[in-house]
Amino acid sequence: MANVSLTPSGPPETVLPVDSPETQHLMNEISTAQSLNRAKLLQLISMSPRSPSVWALYGQHGTDTLESYAAYRVGYHRGLDLLRANGWRGSGFVRWQHASNRGFLLCLLGLQLSAERIGENDEAERCRLFLLQLDPSGVPQEILNSQSHLRQ
């Protein structure tokens, strides 16, 4: 079932489905642990390889910029697949305000910031513009603050 809202006041808006309770539980467990358990992170990826949220979490815990970049790129592509499966046709809003959209948006933001770090400036600019097209209100400040590990 597509989760796209068509309104006379603007482009359609897509809201992605939430991750399974098991995936959410393990993501929360990994996120709140005092130290990263890479075995649990790999278990999570094998449990939910199509979840952009899982790839965003992996990107946030990458051992270096290139590992994070690769994880964010996988999550971005998994997110595009998920968007299309939920009615998105290449345009329209995918807003930060919906928690279920954040995994995809975090992957796109992480891809932008890690592309900047490795000097892939054209890719970083494409990601920046795409984020603004998806949600013209911009990236929430608390999200930007949480991604400080990717800034130079």
C-alpha atoms as a PDB file:
ATOM      1  CA  MET A   1       0.000   0.000   0.000  1.00  0.00           C
ATOM      2  CA  ALA A   2       1.480   3.333  -1.088  1.00  0.00           C
ATOM      3  CA  ASN A   3       1.808   5.979   1.579  1.00  0.00           C
ATOM      4  CA  VAL A   4       1.697   9.070  -0.647  1.00  0.00           C
ATOM      5  CA  SER A   5      -0.512  12.031   0.130  1.00  0.00           C
ATOM      6  CA  LEU A   6      -1.784  14.032  -2.841  1.00  0.00           C
ATOM      7  CA  THR A   7      -2.810  17.540  -1.911  1.00  0.00           C
ATOM      8  CA  PRO A   8      -3.995  20.436  -4.049  1.00  0.00           C
ATOM      9  CA  SER A   9      -1.549  22.729  -2.206  1.00  0.00           C
ATOM     10  CA  GLY A  10       1.690  21.181  -3.406  1.00  0.00           C
ATOM     11  CA  PRO A  11       3.705  18.140  -4.382  1.00  0.00           C
ATOM     12  CA  PRO A  12       2.856  14.740  -2.960  1.00  0.00           C
ATOM     13  CA  GLU A  13       4.449  13.696   0.309  1.00  0.00           C
ATOM     14  CA  THR A  14       5.803  10.222   0.946  1.00  0.00           C
ATOM     15  CA  VAL A  15       6.096   8.711   4.406  1.00  0.00           C
ATOM     16  CA  LEU A  16       8.144   5.537   4.634  1.00  0.00           C
ATOM     17  CA  PRO A  17       6.957   2.595   6.731  1.00  0.00           C
ATOM     18  CA  VAL A  18       8.473   2.083  10.161  1.00  0.00           C
ATOM     19  CA  ASP A  19      11.076  -0.599  10.768  1.00  0.00           C
ATOM     20  CA  SER A  20       9.995  -3.815  12.457  1.00  0.00           C
ATOM     21  CA  PRO A  21       9.846  -3.800  16.265  1.00  0.00           C
ATOM     22  CA  GLU A  22      12.804  -6.227  16.350  1.00  0.00           C
ATOM     23  CA  THR A  23      14.901  -3.910  14.196  1.00  0.00           C
ATOM     24  CA  GLN A  24      13.905  -0.880  16.268  1.00  0.00           C
ATOM     25  CA  HIS A  25      14.771  -2.707  19.494  1.00  0.00           C
ATOM     26  CA  LEU A  26      18.227  -3.747  18.308  1.00  0.00           C
ATOM     27  CA  MET A  27      18.918  -0.274  16.864  1.00  0.00           C
ATOM     28  CA  ASN A  28      18.005   1.278  20.202  1.00  0.00           C
ATOM     29  CA  GLU A  29      20.181  -1.227  22.053  1.00  0.00           C
ATOM     30  CA  ILE A  30      23.165  -0.390  19.828  1.00  0.00           C
ATOM     31  CA  SER A  31      22.540   3.358  20.007  1.00  0.00           C
ATOM     32  CA  THR A  32      22.323   3.482  23.792  1.00  0.00           C
ATOM     33  CA  ALA A  33      25.228   1.152  24.584  1.00  0.00           C
ATOM     34  CA  GLN A  34      28.277   2.743  26.169  1.00  0.00           C
ATOM     35  CA  SER A  35      30.533   1.142  23.590  1.00  0.00           C
ATOM     36  CA  LEU A  36      29.834  -0.105  20.115  1.00  0.00           C
ATOM     37  CA  ASN A  37      29.286  -3.823  19.723  1.00  0.00           C
ATOM     38  CA  ARG A  38      30.208  -4.369  16.056  1.00  0.00           C
ATOM     39  CA  ALA A  39      28.895  -7.936  16.180  1.00  0.00           C
ATOM     40  CA  LYS A  40      25.432  -6.608  17.079  1.00  0.00           C
ATOM     41  CA  LEU A  41      25.710  -3.993  14.347  1.00  0.00           C
ATOM     42  CA  LEU A  42      26.497  -6.696  11.786  1.00  0.00           C
ATOM     43  CA  GLN A  43      23.636  -8.812  13.166  1.00  0.00           C
ATOM     44  CA  LEU A  44      21.333  -5.827  12.672  1.00  0.00           C
ATOM     45  CA  ILE A  45      22.473  -5.344   9.078  1.00  0.00           C
ATOM     46  CA  SER A  46      21.931  -9.008   8.251  1.00  0.00           C
ATOM     47  CA  MET A  47      18.520  -8.894   9.963  1.00  0.00           C
ATOM     48  CA  SER A  48      17.310  -5.786   8.058  1.00  0.00           C
ATOM     49  CA  PRO A  49      19.550  -5.138   5.043  1.00  0.00           C
ATOM     50  CA  ARG A  50      16.886  -3.077   3.253  1.00  0.00           C
ATOM     51  CA  SER A  51      16.369  -0.600   6.073  1.00  0.00           C
ATOM     52  CA  PRO A  52      17.913   2.845   5.456  1.00  0.00           C
ATOM     53  CA  SER A  53      17.808   3.413   9.224  1.00  0.00           C
ATOM     54  CA  VAL A  54      20.112   0.449   9.768  1.00  0.00           C
ATOM     55  CA  TRP A  55      22.581   1.759   7.183  1.00  0.00           C
ATOM     56  CA  ALA A  56      22.429   5.246   8.720  1.00  0.00           C
ATOM     57  CA  LEU A  57      23.342   3.747  12.095  1.00  0.00           C
ATOM     58  CA  TYR A  58      26.201   1.820  10.488  1.00  0.00           C
ATOM     59  CA  GLY A  59      27.389   5.013   8.787  1.00  0.00           C
ATOM     60  CA  GLN A  60      27.365   6.861  12.114  1.00  0.00           C
ATOM     61  CA  HIS A  61      29.588   4.138  13.594  1.00  0.00           C
ATOM     62  CA  GLY A  62      31.950   3.679  10.645  1.00  0.00           C
ATOM     63  CA  THR A  63      35.581   3.176  11.597  1.00  0.00           C
ATOM     64  CA  ASP A  64      36.634   5.893   9.141  1.00  0.00           C
ATOM     65  CA  THR A  65      35.210   8.315   6.582  1.00  0.00           C
ATOM     66  CA  LEU A  66      35.283   5.820   3.719  1.00  0.00           C
ATOM     67  CA  GLU A  67      33.443   3.132   5.674  1.00  0.00           C
ATOM     68  CA  SER A  68      30.812   5.685   6.669  1.00  0.00           C
ATOM     69  CA  TYR A  69      30.572   6.956   3.082  1.00  0.00           C
ATOM     70  CA  ALA A  70      30.003   3.414   1.796  1.00  0.00           C
ATOM     71  CA  ALA A  71      27.338   2.664   4.416  1.00  0.00           C
ATOM     72  CA  TYR A  72      25.512   5.925   3.703  1.00  0.00           C
ATOM     73  CA  ARG A  73      25.625   5.228  -0.038  1.00  0.00           C
ATOM     74  CA  VAL A  74      24.086   1.765   0.457  1.00  0.00           C
ATOM     75  CA  GLY A  75      21.422   3.261   2.738  1.00  0.00           C
ATOM     76  CA  TYR A  76      20.678   5.999   0.230  1.00  0.00           C
ATOM     77  CA  HIS A  77      20.085   3.465  -2.541  1.00  0.00           C
ATOM     78  CA  ARG A  78      18.045   1.180  -0.261  1.00  0.00           C
ATOM     79  CA  GLY A  79      16.029   4.258   0.677  1.00  0.00           C
ATOM     80  CA  LEU A  80      15.342   5.159  -2.953  1.00  0.00           C
ATOM     81  CA  ASP A  81      14.101   1.599  -3.516  1.00  0.00           C
ATOM     82  CA  LEU A  82      11.846   1.885  -0.464  1.00  0.00           C
ATOM     83  CA  LEU A  83      10.543   5.296  -1.534  1.00  0.00           C
ATOM     84  CA  ARG A  84       9.636   3.979  -4.970  1.00  0.00           C
ATOM     85  CA  ALA A  85       7.946   0.933  -3.432  1.00  0.00           C
ATOM     86  CA  ASN A  86       5.823   3.334  -1.384  1.00  0.00           C
ATOM     87  CA  GLY A  87       4.613   5.458  -4.272  1.00  0.00           C
ATOM     88  CA  TRP A  88       7.320   8.107  -4.676  1.00  0.00           C
ATOM     89  CA  ARG A  89       7.855   8.867  -8.339  1.00  0.00           C
ATOM     90  CA  GLY A  90      11.022  10.928  -8.267  1.00  0.00           C
ATOM     91  CA  SER A  91       9.565  14.134  -6.899  1.00  0.00           C
ATOM     92  CA  GLY A  92       7.632  15.279  -3.885  1.00  0.00           C
ATOM     93  CA  PHE A  93       8.328  15.737  -0.225  1.00  0.00           C
ATOM     94  CA  VAL A  94      10.014  13.298   2.145  1.00  0.00           C
ATOM     95  CA  ARG A  95      10.078  15.274   5.375  1.00  0.00           C
ATOM     96  CA  TRP A  96      12.223  15.050   8.495  1.00  0.00           C
ATOM     97  CA  GLN A  97       9.157  15.433  10.722  1.00  0.00           C
ATOM     98  CA  HIS A  98       8.210  11.808  10.045  1.00  0.00           C
ATOM     99  CA  ALA A  99      10.487   9.571  12.112  1.00  0.00           C
ATOM    100  CA  SER A 100      10.197   6.761   9.574  1.00  0.00           C
ATOM    101  CA  ASN A 101      11.759   9.003   6.888  1.00  0.00           C
ATOM    102  CA  ARG A 102      14.803   9.880   8.964  1.00  0.00           C
ATOM    103  CA  GLY A 103      16.879   6.802   8.120  1.00  0.00           C
ATOM    104  CA  PHE A 104      16.811   7.659   4.425  1.00  0.00           C
ATOM    105  CA  LEU A 105      17.345  11.368   5.060  1.00  0.00           C
ATOM    106  CA  LEU A 106      20.214  10.640   7.462  1.00  0.00           C
ATOM    107  CA  CYS A 107      21.853   8.494   4.788  1.00  0.00           C
ATOM    108  CA  LEU A 108      21.522  11.329   2.281  1.00  0.00           C
ATOM    109  CA  LEU A 109      22.923  13.840   4.786  1.00  0.00           C
ATOM    110  CA  GLY A 110      25.712  11.447   5.795  1.00  0.00           C
ATOM    111  CA  LEU A 111      26.541  10.907   2.124  1.00  0.00           C
ATOM    112  CA  GLN A 112      26.712  14.676   1.634  1.00  0.00           C
ATOM    113  CA  LEU A 113      28.989  15.267   4.616  1.00  0.00           C
ATOM    114  CA  SER A 114      31.287  12.318   3.962  1.00  0.00           C
ATOM    115  CA  ALA A 115      31.517  13.274   0.263  1.00  0.00           C
ATOM    116  CA  GLU A 116      32.670  16.719   1.414  1.00  0.00           C
ATOM    117  CA  ARG A 117      35.344  15.099   3.580  1.00  0.00           C
ATOM    118  CA  ILE A 118      36.775  13.067   0.719  1.00  0.00           C
ATOM    119  CA  GLY A 119      36.654  15.986  -1.715  1.00  0.00           C
ATOM    120  CA  GLU A 120      33.775  14.744  -3.839  1.00  0.00           C
ATOM    121  CA  ASN A 121      32.247  18.210  -3.928  1.00  0.00           C
ATOM    122  CA  ASP A 122      29.869  17.717  -6.857  1.00  0.00           C
ATOM    123  CA  GLU A 123      28.291  14.718  -5.087  1.00  0.00           C
ATOM    124  CA  ALA A 124      28.061  16.695  -1.850  1.00  0.00           C
ATOM    125  CA  GLU A 125      26.279  19.535  -3.656  1.00  0.00           C
ATOM    126  CA  ARG A 126      23.828  17.145  -5.356  1.00  0.00           C
ATOM    127  CA  CYS A 127      22.984  15.636  -1.967  1.00  0.00           C
ATOM    128  CA  ARG A 128      22.557  19.086  -0.382  1.00  0.00           C
ATOM    129  CA  LEU A 129      20.144  20.164  -3.119  1.00  0.00           C
ATOM    130  CA  PHE A 130      18.242  16.870  -3.007  1.00  0.00           C
ATOM    131  CA  LEU A 131      17.760  17.244   0.755  1.00  0.00           C
ATOM    132  CA  LEU A 132      16.271  20.710   0.197  1.00  0.00           C
ATOM    133  CA  GLN A 133      13.964  19.406  -2.530  1.00  0.00           C
ATOM    134  CA  LEU A 134      12.743  16.624  -0.261  1.00  0.00           C
ATOM    135  CA  ASP A 135      12.175  18.939   2.705  1.00  0.00           C
ATOM    136  CA  PRO A 136      12.449  22.667   1.944  1.00  0.00           C
ATOM    137  CA  SER A 137      12.376  23.476   5.666  1.00  0.00           C
ATOM    138  CA  GLY A 138      15.941  22.118   5.809  1.00  0.00           C
ATOM    139  CA  VAL A 139      17.771  19.702   8.055  1.00  0.00           C
ATOM    140  CA  PRO A 140      16.742  20.191  11.706  1.00  0.00           C
ATOM    141  CA  GLN A 141      19.544  21.704  13.798  1.00  0.00           C
ATOM    142  CA  GLU A 142      19.594  18.801  16.265  1.00  0.00           C
ATOM    143  CA  ILE A 143      20.210  16.432  13.342  1.00  0.00           C
ATOM    144  CA  LEU A 144      23.064  18.594  12.057  1.00  0.00           C
ATOM    145  CA  ASN A 145      24.577  18.665  15.536  1.00  0.00           C
ATOM    146  CA  SER A 146      24.404  14.858  15.765  1.00  0.00           C
ATOM    147  CA  GLN A 147      26.384  14.535  12.525  1.00  0.00           C
ATOM    148  CA  SER A 148      29.332  16.595  13.769  1.00  0.00           C
ATOM    149  CA  HIS A 149      31.598  13.507  13.536  1.00  0.00           C
ATOM    150  CA  LEU A 150      31.475  13.915   9.750  1.00  0.00           C
ATOM    151  CA  ARG A 151      32.513  17.564   9.704  1.00  0.00           C
ATOM    152  CA  GLN A 152      36.159  18.459   9.226  1.00  0.00           C
END
